[in-house]
Amino acid sequence: MNNVDMNALMNMLSKMDKKEIEKGMEQISKMLNSKDKDEILKKFNGQGK
């Protein structure tokens, strides 16, 4: 996750509504505070688009 393309990230965020962004931020917060980052990341990526 260190090599995040900021343009791709901003493009993705621009297509999301406020509730989607809040949900995504909550998931990112959980991932950063979790011991099981890989599992949460899989769920996050599976939901996208």
Protein backbone atom coordinates (compact mmCIF):
# COMPACT_ATOMS: atom_id res chain seq x y z
CA MET A 1 0.00 0.00 0.00
CA ASN A 2 3.06 2.23 0.03
CA ASN A 3 2.89 2.70 -3.74
CA VAL A 4 -0.56 4.27 -3.90
CA ASP A 5 -1.09 6.24 -7.10
CA MET A 6 -2.51 9.52 -5.80
CA ASN A 7 -4.19 10.35 -9.13
CA ALA A 8 -5.98 7.00 -9.12
CA LEU A 9 -6.96 7.49 -5.48
CA MET A 10 -8.34 10.98 -6.11
CA ASN A 11 -10.20 9.77 -9.21
CA MET A 12 -11.78 6.96 -7.19
CA LEU A 13 -12.77 9.35 -4.38
CA SER A 14 -14.30 11.82 -6.85
CA LYS A 15 -16.72 9.10 -7.99
CA MET A 16 -17.86 8.25 -4.46
CA ASP A 17 -20.59 9.94 -2.49
CA LYS A 18 -20.15 11.10 1.11
CA LYS A 19 -21.54 7.90 2.66
CA GLU A 20 -19.24 5.72 0.55
CA ILE A 21 -16.23 7.82 1.53
CA GLU A 22 -17.15 7.65 5.22
CA LYS A 23 -17.57 3.88 5.00
CA GLY A 24 -14.23 3.55 3.21
CA MET A 25 -12.48 5.71 5.80
CA GLU A 26 -13.97 3.60 8.58
CA GLN A 27 -12.67 0.45 6.90
CA ILE A 28 -9.23 2.00 6.43
CA SER A 29 -9.19 3.00 10.10
CA LYS A 30 -10.08 -0.54 11.12
CA MET A 31 -7.41 -1.92 8.81
CA LEU A 32 -4.73 0.35 10.24
CA ASN A 33 -5.66 -0.63 13.80
CA SER A 34 -6.12 -4.33 13.10
CA LYS A 35 -3.77 -7.27 13.41
CA ASP A 36 -5.56 -8.89 10.46
CA LYS A 37 -4.89 -6.23 7.82
CA ASP A 38 -4.82 -8.67 4.89
CA GLU A 39 -8.35 -9.94 5.55
CA ILE A 40 -9.82 -6.45 5.82
CA LEU A 41 -7.92 -5.36 2.70
CA LYS A 42 -9.38 -8.31 0.78
CA LYS A 43 -12.90 -7.30 1.86
CA PHE A 44 -12.26 -3.67 0.98
CA ASN A 45 -10.94 -4.52 -2.47
CA GLY A 46 -13.76 -6.98 -3.11
CA GLN A 47 -16.41 -4.32 -2.54
CA GLY A 48 -14.98 -1.67 -4.82
CA LYS A 49 -16.34 -0.18 -8.01
